[in-house]
Amino acid sequence: MSFVGRWVTMNYDVVGPSLDGPARLEVQQTAAGLKGTWGDPTDPACAQLTGELQCDGQAWAGTWGSTENEGVFAHRGTFTFVLDADGEHIHGAWALGDGGPPQPWWGRRDG
């Protein structure tokens, strides 16, 4: 079981369920750990995730940042995902870099 692949995810924004609906998370293995792209890469709200595996590969934790460096979508923060025993679902949380409270983030394998 691995985090590598495509996921359909949902998350809570800082004020409640995301109004944007489900978003794809594409995860790839790198020499340094895992790298992910969340959302549509052409959208300025798209985010890049990088991090390392923990707990014998059952957890992935790291940092995320929007692809836009300035403006309303320019955000950074942290995340943690845990891979469910079935290998088909993930759950975790994300937080803004300014110390905002963690918000739920979950998903299922796409396909």
PDB file of N, CA and C in Angstrom:
ATOM      1  N   MET A   1       0.846  -1.182   0.000  1.00  0.00           N
ATOM      2  CA  MET A   1       0.000   0.000   0.000  1.00  0.00           C
ATOM      3  C   MET A   1       0.886   1.237   0.000  1.00  0.00           C
ATOM      4  N   SER A   2       0.404   2.252  -0.696  1.00  0.00           N
ATOM      5  CA  SER A   2       1.208   3.452  -0.871  1.00  0.00           C
ATOM      6  C   SER A   2       0.297   4.656  -1.090  1.00  0.00           C
ATOM      7  N   PHE A   3       0.848   5.822  -0.817  1.00  0.00           N
ATOM      8  CA  PHE A   3       0.136   7.068  -1.099  1.00  0.00           C
ATOM      9  C   PHE A   3       0.225   7.437  -2.583  1.00  0.00           C
ATOM     10  N   VAL A   4       1.170   6.837  -3.312  1.00  0.00           N
ATOM     11  CA  VAL A   4       1.396   7.186  -4.710  1.00  0.00           C
ATOM     12  C   VAL A   4       0.140   6.890  -5.526  1.00  0.00           C
ATOM     13  N   GLY A   5      -0.233   7.844  -6.375  1.00  0.00           N
ATOM     14  CA  GLY A   5      -1.389   7.682  -7.243  1.00  0.00           C
ATOM     15  C   GLY A   5      -2.299   8.893  -7.194  1.00  0.00           C
ATOM     16  N   ARG A   6      -3.516   8.700  -7.688  1.00  0.00           N
ATOM     17  CA  ARG A   6      -4.521   9.772  -7.730  1.00  0.00           C
ATOM     18  C   ARG A   6      -5.561   9.563  -6.646  1.00  0.00           C
ATOM     19  N   TRP A   7      -5.920  10.675  -6.010  1.00  0.00           N
ATOM     20  CA  TRP A   7      -6.921  10.672  -4.951  1.00  0.00           C
ATOM     21  C   TRP A   7      -7.967  11.735  -5.244  1.00  0.00           C
ATOM     22  N   VAL A   8      -9.186  11.499  -4.817  1.00  0.00           N
ATOM     23  CA  VAL A   8     -10.243  12.515  -4.820  1.00  0.00           C
ATOM     24  C   VAL A   8     -10.391  12.932  -3.372  1.00  0.00           C
ATOM     25  N   THR A   9     -10.171  14.210  -3.081  1.00  0.00           N
ATOM     26  CA  THR A   9     -10.156  14.666  -1.692  1.00  0.00           C
ATOM     27  C   THR A   9     -11.202  15.739  -1.432  1.00  0.00           C
ATOM     28  N   MET A  10     -11.552  15.832  -0.163  1.00  0.00           N
ATOM     29  CA  MET A  10     -12.408  16.899   0.353  1.00  0.00           C
ATOM     30  C   MET A  10     -11.715  17.466   1.585  1.00  0.00           C
ATOM     31  N   ASN A  11     -12.006  18.700   1.883  1.00  0.00           N
ATOM     32  CA  ASN A  11     -11.418  19.304   3.068  1.00  0.00           C
ATOM     33  C   ASN A  11     -12.340  20.373   3.634  1.00  0.00           C
ATOM     34  N   TYR A  12     -12.074  20.699   4.891  1.00  0.00           N
ATOM     35  CA  TYR A  12     -12.740  21.833   5.513  1.00  0.00           C
ATOM     36  C   TYR A  12     -11.854  23.047   5.328  1.00  0.00           C
ATOM     37  N   ASP A  13     -12.491  24.148   4.994  1.00  0.00           N
ATOM     38  CA  ASP A  13     -11.802  25.425   4.984  1.00  0.00           C
ATOM     39  C   ASP A  13     -11.839  25.935   6.414  1.00  0.00           C
ATOM     40  N   VAL A  14     -11.242  27.066   6.670  1.00  0.00           N
ATOM     41  CA  VAL A  14     -11.205  27.581   8.042  1.00  0.00           C
ATOM     42  C   VAL A  14     -12.586  27.951   8.570  1.00  0.00           C
ATOM     43  N   VAL A  15     -13.592  28.020   7.695  1.00  0.00           N
ATOM     44  CA  VAL A  15     -14.938  28.375   8.141  1.00  0.00           C
ATOM     45  C   VAL A  15     -15.949  27.246   7.973  1.00  0.00           C
ATOM     46  N   GLY A  16     -15.511  26.073   7.510  1.00  0.00           N
ATOM     47  CA  GLY A  16     -16.424  24.946   7.341  1.00  0.00           C
ATOM     48  C   GLY A  16     -16.086  24.168   6.095  1.00  0.00           C
ATOM     49  N   PRO A  17     -17.022  23.311   5.636  1.00  0.00           N
ATOM     50  CA  PRO A  17     -16.742  22.495   4.443  1.00  0.00           C
ATOM     51  C   PRO A  17     -16.373  23.361   3.248  1.00  0.00           C
ATOM     52  N   SER A  18     -15.386  22.905   2.488  1.00  0.00           N
ATOM     53  CA  SER A  18     -14.950  23.628   1.300  1.00  0.00           C
ATOM     54  C   SER A  18     -16.100  23.747   0.321  1.00  0.00           C
ATOM     55  N   LEU A  19     -16.303  24.931  -0.195  1.00  0.00           N
ATOM     56  CA  LEU A  19     -17.374  25.158  -1.159  1.00  0.00           C
ATOM     57  C   LEU A  19     -16.941  24.785  -2.566  1.00  0.00           C
ATOM     58  N   ASP A  20     -15.652  24.483  -2.738  1.00  0.00           N
ATOM     59  CA  ASP A  20     -15.134  24.156  -4.060  1.00  0.00           C
ATOM     60  C   ASP A  20     -15.429  22.724  -4.464  1.00  0.00           C
ATOM     61  N   GLY A  21     -15.888  21.890  -3.547  1.00  0.00           N
ATOM     62  CA  GLY A  21     -16.166  20.501  -3.848  1.00  0.00           C
ATOM     63  C   GLY A  21     -14.897  19.665  -3.866  1.00  0.00           C
ATOM     64  N   PRO A  22     -15.003  18.437  -4.371  1.00  0.00           N
ATOM     65  CA  PRO A  22     -13.842  17.546  -4.380  1.00  0.00           C
ATOM     66  C   PRO A  22     -12.716  18.106  -5.251  1.00  0.00           C
ATOM     67  N   ALA A  23     -11.481  17.780  -4.878  1.00  0.00           N
ATOM     68  CA  ALA A  23     -10.306  18.174  -5.670  1.00  0.00           C
ATOM     69  C   ALA A  23      -9.368  16.981  -5.761  1.00  0.00           C
ATOM     70  N   ARG A  24      -8.717  16.873  -6.887  1.00  0.00           N
ATOM     71  CA  ARG A  24      -7.774  15.773  -7.089  1.00  0.00           C
ATOM     72  C   ARG A  24      -6.444  16.058  -6.414  1.00  0.00           C
ATOM     73  N   LEU A  25      -5.859  14.990  -5.913  1.00  0.00           N
ATOM     74  CA  LEU A  25      -4.510  15.024  -5.357  1.00  0.00           C
ATOM     75  C   LEU A  25      -3.718  13.944  -6.076  1.00  0.00           C
ATOM     76  N   GLU A  26      -2.684  14.358  -6.806  1.00  0.00           N
ATOM     77  CA  GLU A  26      -1.807  13.432  -7.532  1.00  0.00           C
ATOM     78  C   GLU A  26      -0.505  13.330  -6.754  1.00  0.00           C
ATOM     79  N   VAL A  27      -0.138  12.120  -6.324  1.00  0.00           N
ATOM     80  CA  VAL A  27       1.043  11.910  -5.486  1.00  0.00           C
ATOM     81  C   VAL A  27       2.070  11.077  -6.241  1.00  0.00           C
ATOM     82  N   GLN A  28       3.327  11.544  -6.200  1.00  0.00           N
ATOM     83  CA  GLN A  28       4.439  10.853  -6.858  1.00  0.00           C
ATOM     84  C   GLN A  28       5.564  10.613  -5.866  1.00  0.00           C
ATOM     85  N   GLN A  29       6.303   9.533  -6.087  1.00  0.00           N
ATOM     86  CA  GLN A  29       7.494   9.232  -5.285  1.00  0.00           C
ATOM     87  C   GLN A  29       8.659  10.056  -5.812  1.00  0.00           C
ATOM     88  N   THR A  30       9.463  10.617  -4.913  1.00  0.00           N
ATOM     89  CA  THR A  30      10.690  11.312  -5.287  1.00  0.00           C
ATOM     90  C   THR A  30      11.833  10.731  -4.454  1.00  0.00           C
ATOM     91  N   ALA A  31      13.039  11.140  -4.769  1.00  0.00           N
ATOM     92  CA  ALA A  31      14.194  10.656  -4.002  1.00  0.00           C
ATOM     93  C   ALA A  31      14.117  11.124  -2.549  1.00  0.00           C
ATOM     94  N   ALA A  32      13.489  12.261  -2.311  1.00  0.00           N
ATOM     95  CA  ALA A  32      13.424  12.837  -0.966  1.00  0.00           C
ATOM     96  C   ALA A  32      12.169  12.433  -0.194  1.00  0.00           C
ATOM     97  N   GLY A  33      11.234  11.762  -0.822  1.00  0.00           N
ATOM     98  CA  GLY A  33       9.983  11.407  -0.158  1.00  0.00           C
ATOM     99  C   GLY A  33       8.852  11.376  -1.156  1.00  0.00           C
ATOM    100  N   LEU A  34       7.780  12.103  -0.869  1.00  0.00           N
ATOM    101  CA  LEU A  34       6.634  12.183  -1.763  1.00  0.00           C
ATOM    102  C   LEU A  34       6.373  13.628  -2.148  1.00  0.00           C
ATOM    103  N   LYS A  35       5.824  13.789  -3.350  1.00  0.00           N
ATOM    104  CA  LYS A  35       5.441  15.108  -3.853  1.00  0.00           C
ATOM    105  C   LYS A  35       4.031  14.992  -4.385  1.00  0.00           C
ATOM    106  N   GLY A  36       3.188  15.975  -4.085  1.00  0.00           N
ATOM    107  CA  GLY A  36       1.820  15.943  -4.557  1.00  0.00           C
ATOM    108  C   GLY A  36       1.385  17.259  -5.159  1.00  0.00           C
ATOM    109  N   THR A  37       0.413  17.176  -6.061  1.00  0.00           N
ATOM    110  CA  THR A  37      -0.227  18.359  -6.629  1.00  0.00           C
ATOM    111  C   THR A  37      -1.702  18.256  -6.312  1.00  0.00           C
ATOM    112  N   TRP A  38      -2.236  19.254  -5.626  1.00  0.00           N
ATOM    113  CA  TRP A  38      -3.637  19.278  -5.223  1.00  0.00           C
ATOM    114  C   TRP A  38      -4.368  20.313  -6.058  1.00  0.00           C
ATOM    115  N   GLY A  39      -5.452  19.900  -6.695  1.00  0.00           N
ATOM    116  CA  GLY A  39      -6.246  20.816  -7.496  1.00  0.00           C
ATOM    117  C   GLY A  39      -5.794  20.841  -8.946  1.00  0.00           C
ATOM    118  N   ASP A  40      -6.359  21.747  -9.699  1.00  0.00           N
ATOM    119  CA  ASP A  40      -6.051  21.922 -11.115  1.00  0.00           C
ATOM    120  C   ASP A  40      -4.758  22.719 -11.244  1.00  0.00           C
ATOM    121  N   PRO A  41      -3.722  22.152 -11.879  1.00  0.00           N
ATOM    122  CA  PRO A  41      -2.444  22.860 -11.987  1.00  0.00           C
ATOM    123  C   PRO A  41      -2.517  24.215 -12.685  1.00  0.00           C
ATOM    124  N   THR A  42      -3.592  24.476 -13.442  1.00  0.00           N
ATOM    125  CA  THR A  42      -3.733  25.775 -14.102  1.00  0.00           C
ATOM    126  C   THR A  42      -4.425  26.802 -13.206  1.00  0.00           C
ATOM    127  N   ASP A  43      -4.921  26.373 -12.062  1.00  0.00           N
ATOM    128  CA  ASP A  43      -5.633  27.247 -11.129  1.00  0.00           C
ATOM    129  C   ASP A  43      -4.638  27.857 -10.141  1.00  0.00           C
ATOM    130  N   PRO A  44      -4.704  29.176  -9.900  1.00  0.00           N
ATOM    131  CA  PRO A  44      -3.766  29.781  -8.946  1.00  0.00           C
ATOM    132  C   PRO A  44      -3.926  29.270  -7.519  1.00  0.00           C
ATOM    133  N   ALA A  45      -5.069  28.629  -7.215  1.00  0.00           N
ATOM    134  CA  ALA A  45      -5.263  28.066  -5.878  1.00  0.00           C
ATOM    135  C   ALA A  45      -4.658  26.665  -5.756  1.00  0.00           C
ATOM    136  N   CYS A  46      -4.112  26.135  -6.842  1.00  0.00           N
ATOM    137  CA  CYS A  46      -3.463  24.824  -6.828  1.00  0.00           C
ATOM    138  C   CYS A  46      -2.323  24.845  -5.812  1.00  0.00           C
ATOM    139  N   ALA A  47      -2.087  23.702  -5.171  1.00  0.00           N
ATOM    140  CA  ALA A  47      -1.032  23.633  -4.156  1.00  0.00           C
ATOM    141  C   ALA A  47      -0.086  22.472  -4.436  1.00  0.00           C
ATOM    142  N   GLN A  48       1.161  22.662  -4.057  1.00  0.00           N
ATOM    143  CA  GLN A  48       2.182  21.624  -4.120  1.00  0.00           C
ATOM    144  C   GLN A  48       2.433  21.128  -2.699  1.00  0.00           C
ATOM    145  N   LEU A  49       2.487  19.808  -2.528  1.00  0.00           N
ATOM    146  CA  LEU A  49       2.745  19.199  -1.223  1.00  0.00           C
ATOM    147  C   LEU A  49       4.060  18.434  -1.297  1.00  0.00           C
ATOM    148  N   THR A  50       4.894  18.569  -0.286  1.00  0.00           N
ATOM    149  CA  THR A  50       6.116  17.785  -0.200  1.00  0.00           C
ATOM    150  C   THR A  50       6.258  17.298   1.231  1.00  0.00           C
ATOM    151  N   GLY A  51       6.746  16.081   1.367  1.00  0.00           N
ATOM    152  CA  GLY A  51       6.924  15.559   2.707  1.00  0.00           C
ATOM    153  C   GLY A  51       7.522  14.176   2.701  1.00  0.00           C
ATOM    154  N   GLU A  52       7.692  13.650   3.896  1.00  0.00           N
ATOM    155  CA  GLU A  52       8.307  12.350   4.092  1.00  0.00           C
ATOM    156  C   GLU A  52       7.305  11.375   4.679  1.00  0.00           C
ATOM    157  N   LEU A  53       7.548  10.105   4.391  1.00  0.00           N
ATOM    158  CA  LEU A  53       6.739   9.051   4.983  1.00  0.00           C
ATOM    159  C   LEU A  53       7.168   8.816   6.423  1.00  0.00           C
ATOM    160  N   GLN A  54       6.212   8.472   7.246  1.00  0.00           N
ATOM    161  CA  GLN A  54       6.445   8.184   8.656  1.00  0.00           C
ATOM    162  C   GLN A  54       5.655   6.926   9.030  1.00  0.00           C
ATOM    163  N   CYS A  55       5.905   6.393  10.210  1.00  0.00           N
ATOM    164  CA  CYS A  55       5.153   5.248  10.729  1.00  0.00           C
ATOM    165  C   CYS A  55       5.117   4.093   9.723  1.00  0.00           C
ATOM    166  N   ASP A  56       6.301   3.678   9.276  1.00  0.00           N
ATOM    167  CA  ASP A  56       6.414   2.561   8.321  1.00  0.00           C
ATOM    168  C   ASP A  56       5.596   2.780   7.054  1.00  0.00           C
ATOM    169  N   GLY A  57       5.538   4.026   6.590  1.00  0.00           N
ATOM    170  CA  GLY A  57       4.841   4.336   5.349  1.00  0.00           C
ATOM    171  C   GLY A  57       3.356   4.540   5.473  1.00  0.00           C
ATOM    172  N   GLN A  58       2.818   4.483   6.677  1.00  0.00           N
ATOM    173  CA  GLN A  58       1.377   4.647   6.872  1.00  0.00           C
ATOM    174  C   GLN A  58       0.958   6.104   7.059  1.00  0.00           C
ATOM    175  N   ALA A  59       1.928   7.002   7.243  1.00  0.00           N
ATOM    176  CA  ALA A  59       1.636   8.426   7.409  1.00  0.00           C
ATOM    177  C   ALA A  59       2.548   9.237   6.490  1.00  0.00           C
ATOM    178  N   TRP A  60       2.011  10.333   5.983  1.00  0.00           N
ATOM    179  CA  TRP A  60       2.752  11.257   5.123  1.00  0.00           C
ATOM    180  C   TRP A  60       2.546  12.645   5.710  1.00  0.00           C
ATOM    181  N   ALA A  61       3.624  13.310   6.067  1.00  0.00           N
ATOM    182  CA  ALA A  61       3.530  14.645   6.676  1.00  0.00           C
ATOM    183  C   ALA A  61       4.535  15.573   6.013  1.00  0.00           C
ATOM    184  N   GLY A  62       4.160  16.840   5.911  1.00  0.00           N
ATOM    185  CA  GLY A  62       5.066  17.797   5.296  1.00  0.00           C
ATOM    186  C   GLY A  62       4.466  19.176   5.209  1.00  0.00           C
ATOM    187  N   THR A  63       4.859  19.876   4.154  1.00  0.00           N
ATOM    188  CA  THR A  63       4.400  21.244   3.943  1.00  0.00           C
ATOM    189  C   THR A  63       3.680  21.346   2.604  1.00  0.00           C
ATOM    190  N   TRP A  64       2.813  22.339   2.518  1.00  0.00           N
ATOM    191  CA  TRP A  64       2.117  22.624   1.272  1.00  0.00           C
ATOM    192  C   TRP A  64       2.246  24.104   0.986  1.00  0.00           C
ATOM    193  N   GLY A  65       2.135  24.459  -0.269  1.00  0.00           N
ATOM    194  CA  GLY A  65       2.168  25.856  -0.667  1.00  0.00           C
ATOM    195  C   GLY A  65       1.456  26.041  -1.986  1.00  0.00           C
ATOM    196  N   SER A  66       0.732  27.142  -2.104  1.00  0.00           N
ATOM    197  CA  SER A  66       0.034  27.416  -3.357  1.00  0.00           C
ATOM    198  C   SER A  66       1.058  27.757  -4.432  1.00  0.00           C
ATOM    199  N   THR A  67       0.664  27.526  -5.676  1.00  0.00           N
ATOM    200  CA  THR A  67       1.578  27.817  -6.780  1.00  0.00           C
ATOM    201  C   THR A  67       1.667  29.315  -7.039  1.00  0.00           C
ATOM    202  N   GLU A  68       0.706  30.075  -6.551  1.00  0.00           N
ATOM    203  CA  GLU A  68       0.753  31.526  -6.679  1.00  0.00           C
ATOM    204  C   GLU A  68       1.577  32.085  -5.523  1.00  0.00           C
ATOM    205  N   ASN A  69       2.546  32.933  -5.830  1.00  0.00           N
ATOM    206  CA  ASN A  69       3.432  33.476  -4.800  1.00  0.00           C
ATOM    207  C   ASN A  69       2.944  34.774  -4.182  1.00  0.00           C
ATOM    208  N   GLU A  70       1.988  35.433  -4.825  1.00  0.00           N
ATOM    209  CA  GLU A  70       1.442  36.686  -4.312  1.00  0.00           C
ATOM    210  C   GLU A  70      -0.066  36.678  -4.514  1.00  0.00           C
ATOM    211  N   GLY A  71      -0.773  37.506  -3.786  1.00  0.00           N
ATOM    212  CA  GLY A  71      -2.211  37.621  -3.966  1.00  0.00           C
ATOM    213  C   GLY A  71      -2.997  36.773  -2.986  1.00  0.00           C
ATOM    214  N   VAL A  72      -4.299  36.671  -3.251  1.00  0.00           N
ATOM    215  CA  VAL A  72      -5.208  36.029  -2.305  1.00  0.00           C
ATOM    216  C   VAL A  72      -4.991  34.526  -2.186  1.00  0.00           C
ATOM    217  N   PHE A  73      -4.382  33.903  -3.189  1.00  0.00           N
ATOM    218  CA  PHE A  73      -4.169  32.462  -3.136  1.00  0.00           C
ATOM    219  C   PHE A  73      -2.777  32.075  -2.635  1.00  0.00           C
ATOM    220  N   ALA A  74      -1.961  33.026  -2.279  1.00  0.00           N
ATOM    221  CA  ALA A  74      -0.585  32.757  -1.850  1.00  0.00           C
ATOM    222  C   ALA A  74      -0.573  32.325  -0.377  1.00  0.00           C
ATOM    223  N   HIS A  75      -0.699  31.038  -0.164  1.00  0.00           N
ATOM    224  CA  HIS A  75      -0.725  30.496   1.188  1.00  0.00           C
ATOM    225  C   HIS A  75       0.275  29.364   1.324  1.00  0.00           C
ATOM    226  N   ARG A  76       0.691  29.107   2.551  1.00  0.00           N
ATOM    227  CA  ARG A  76       1.607  28.017   2.881  1.00  0.00           C
ATOM    228  C   ARG A  76       1.138  27.390   4.188  1.00  0.00           C
ATOM    229  N   GLY A  77       1.555  26.156   4.425  1.00  0.00           N
ATOM    230  CA  GLY A  77       1.192  25.530   5.682  1.00  0.00           C
ATOM    231  C   GLY A  77       1.741  24.126   5.805  1.00  0.00           C
ATOM    232  N   THR A  78       1.110  23.354   6.667  1.00  0.00           N
ATOM    233  CA  THR A  78       1.530  21.980   6.925  1.00  0.00           C
ATOM    234  C   THR A  78       0.357  21.030   6.705  1.00  0.00           C
ATOM    235  N   PHE A  79       0.680  19.749   6.556  1.00  0.00           N
ATOM    236  CA  PHE A  79      -0.368  18.737   6.397  1.00  0.00           C
ATOM    237  C   PHE A  79       0.126  17.417   6.973  1.00  0.00           C
ATOM    238  N   THR A  80      -0.823  16.550   7.273  1.00  0.00           N
ATOM    239  CA  THR A  80      -0.557  15.164   7.659  1.00  0.00           C
ATOM    240  C   THR A  80      -1.679  14.298   7.111  1.00  0.00           C
ATOM    241  N   PHE A  81      -1.313  13.187   6.472  1.00  0.00           N
ATOM    242  CA  PHE A  81      -2.278  12.189   6.020  1.00  0.00           C
ATOM    243  C   PHE A  81      -1.919  10.850   6.625  1.00  0.00           C
ATOM    244  N   VAL A  82      -2.933  10.046   6.916  1.00  0.00           N
ATOM    245  CA  VAL A  82      -2.757   8.668   7.348  1.00  0.00           C
ATOM    246  C   VAL A  82      -3.473   7.790   6.330  1.00  0.00           C
ATOM    247  N   LEU A  83      -2.793   6.727   5.892  1.00  0.00           N
ATOM    248  CA  LEU A  83      -3.362   5.784   4.945  1.00  0.00           C
ATOM    249  C   LEU A  83      -4.161   4.737   5.717  1.00  0.00           C
ATOM    250  N   ASP A  84      -5.443   4.581   5.362  1.00  0.00           N
ATOM    251  CA  ASP A  84      -6.272   3.578   6.024  1.00  0.00           C
ATOM    252  C   ASP A  84      -5.756   2.173   5.710  1.00  0.00           C
ATOM    253  N   ALA A  85      -6.140   1.209   6.524  1.00  0.00           N
ATOM    254  CA  ALA A  85      -5.675  -0.173   6.372  1.00  0.00           C
ATOM    255  C   ALA A  85      -6.041  -0.760   5.015  1.00  0.00           C
ATOM    256  N   ASP A  86      -7.134  -0.283   4.404  1.00  0.00           N
ATOM    257  CA  ASP A  86      -7.535  -0.813   3.099  1.00  0.00           C
ATOM    258  C   ASP A  86      -6.704  -0.249   1.955  1.00  0.00           C
ATOM    259  N   GLY A  87      -5.901   0.786   2.217  1.00  0.00           N
ATOM    260  CA  GLY A  87      -5.077   1.398   1.181  1.00  0.00           C
ATOM    261  C   GLY A  87      -5.851   2.216   0.174  1.00  0.00           C
ATOM    262  N   GLU A  88      -7.148   2.365   0.400  1.00  0.00           N
ATOM    263  CA  GLU A  88      -8.022   3.064  -0.548  1.00  0.00           C
ATOM    264  C   GLU A  88      -8.524   4.404  -0.026  1.00  0.00           C
ATOM    265  N   HIS A  89      -8.261   4.719   1.240  1.00  0.00           N
ATOM    266  CA  HIS A  89      -8.744   5.959   1.848  1.00  0.00           C
ATOM    267  C   HIS A  89      -7.628   6.623   2.644  1.00  0.00           C
ATOM    268  N   ILE A  90      -7.670   7.946   2.674  1.00  0.00           N
ATOM    269  CA  ILE A  90      -6.740   8.721   3.496  1.00  0.00           C
ATOM    270  C   ILE A  90      -7.537   9.684   4.357  1.00  0.00           C
ATOM    271  N   HIS A  91      -6.982  10.027   5.491  1.00  0.00           N
ATOM    272  CA  HIS A  91      -7.588  11.060   6.325  1.00  0.00           C
ATOM    273  C   HIS A  91      -6.455  11.803   7.020  1.00  0.00           C
ATOM    274  N   GLY A  92      -6.723  13.036   7.336  1.00  0.00           N
ATOM    275  CA  GLY A  92      -5.688  13.836   7.971  1.00  0.00           C
ATOM    276  C   GLY A  92      -6.160  15.251   8.201  1.00  0.00           C
ATOM    277  N   ALA A  93      -5.196  16.159   8.154  1.00  0.00           N
ATOM    278  CA  ALA A  93      -5.500  17.567   8.425  1.00  0.00           C
ATOM    279  C   ALA A  93      -4.485  18.457   7.735  1.00  0.00           C
ATOM    280  N   TRP A  94      -4.887  19.703   7.524  1.00  0.00           N
ATOM    281  CA  TRP A  94      -3.992  20.728   7.000  1.00  0.00           C
ATOM    282  C   TRP A  94      -4.117  21.950   7.909  1.00  0.00           C
ATOM    283  N   ALA A  95      -3.102  22.789   7.887  1.00  0.00           N
ATOM    284  CA  ALA A  95      -3.134  24.038   8.666  1.00  0.00           C
ATOM    285  C   ALA A  95      -2.402  25.117   7.897  1.00  0.00           C
ATOM    286  N   LEU A  96      -2.847  26.342   8.080  1.00  0.00           N
ATOM    287  CA  LEU A  96      -2.154  27.489   7.502  1.00  0.00           C
ATOM    288  C   LEU A  96      -0.842  27.714   8.246  1.00  0.00           C
ATOM    289  N   GLY A  97       0.130  28.246   7.544  1.00  0.00           N
ATOM    290  CA  GLY A  97       1.450  28.480   8.119  1.00  0.00           C
ATOM    291  C   GLY A  97       1.469  29.502   9.231  1.00  0.00           C
ATOM    292  N   ASP A  98       0.422  30.333   9.320  1.00  0.00           N
ATOM    293  CA  ASP A  98       0.406  31.365  10.357  1.00  0.00           C
ATOM    294  C   ASP A  98      -0.102  30.835  11.692  1.00  0.00           C
ATOM    295  N   GLY A  99      -0.221  29.510  11.794  1.00  0.00           N
ATOM    296  CA  GLY A  99      -0.623  28.925  13.067  1.00  0.00           C
ATOM    297  C   GLY A  99      -2.106  28.714  13.218  1.00  0.00           C
ATOM    298  N   GLY A 100      -2.844  28.751  12.121  1.00  0.00           N
ATOM    299  CA  GLY A 100      -4.274  28.503  12.196  1.00  0.00           C
ATOM    300  C   GLY A 100      -4.562  27.098  12.689  1.00  0.00           C
ATOM    301  N   PRO A 101      -5.766  26.848  13.181  1.00  0.00           N
ATOM    302  CA  PRO A 101      -6.092  25.513  13.700  1.00  0.00           C
ATOM    303  C   PRO A 101      -6.131  24.483  12.567  1.00  0.00           C
ATOM    304  N   PRO A 102      -5.751  23.234  12.851  1.00  0.00           N
ATOM    305  CA  PRO A 102      -5.824  22.175  11.831  1.00  0.00           C
ATOM    306  C   PRO A 102      -7.260  21.976  11.350  1.00  0.00           C
ATOM    307  N   GLN A 103      -7.396  21.723  10.055  1.00  0.00           N
ATOM    308  CA  GLN A 103      -8.708  21.491   9.443  1.00  0.00           C
ATOM    309  C   GLN A 103      -8.728  20.101   8.817  1.00  0.00           C
ATOM    310  N   PRO A 104      -9.839  19.363   8.927  1.00  0.00           N
ATOM    311  CA  PRO A 104      -9.912  18.013   8.369  1.00  0.00           C
ATOM    312  C   PRO A 104      -9.692  17.978   6.858  1.00  0.00           C
ATOM    313  N   TRP A 105      -9.052  16.887   6.392  1.00  0.00           N
ATOM    314  CA  TRP A 105      -8.802  16.658   4.970  1.00  0.00           C
ATOM    315  C   TRP A 105      -8.846  15.153   4.765  1.00  0.00           C
ATOM    316  N   TRP A 106      -9.630  14.663   3.843  1.00  0.00           N
ATOM    317  CA  TRP A 106      -9.786  13.235   3.657  1.00  0.00           C
ATOM    318  C   TRP A 106     -10.002  12.937   2.177  1.00  0.00           C
ATOM    319  N   GLY A 107      -9.895  11.657   1.813  1.00  0.00           N
ATOM    320  CA  GLY A 107     -10.102  11.298   0.415  1.00  0.00           C
ATOM    321  C   GLY A 107     -10.141   9.801   0.182  1.00  0.00           C
ATOM    322  N   ARG A 108     -10.373   9.475  -1.095  1.00  0.00           N
ATOM    323  CA  ARG A 108     -10.397   8.080  -1.527  1.00  0.00           C
ATOM    324  C   ARG A 108      -9.602   7.981  -2.818  1.00  0.00           C
ATOM    325  N   ARG A 109      -9.081   6.791  -3.068  1.00  0.00           N
ATOM    326  CA  ARG A 109      -8.318   6.565  -4.281  1.00  0.00           C
ATOM    327  C   ARG A 109      -9.221   6.776  -5.489  1.00  0.00           C
ATOM    328  N   ASP A 110      -8.687   7.393  -6.539  1.00  0.00           N
ATOM    329  CA  ASP A 110      -9.432   7.673  -7.754  1.00  0.00           C
ATOM    330  C   ASP A 110      -9.162   6.559  -8.770  1.00  0.00           C
ATOM    331  N   GLY A 111     -10.121   5.657  -8.866  1.00  0.00           N
ATOM    332  CA  GLY A 111      -9.998   4.602  -9.859  1.00  0.00           C
ATOM    333  C   GLY A 111      -9.403   3.332  -9.402  1.00  0.00           C
TER     334      GLY A 111
END
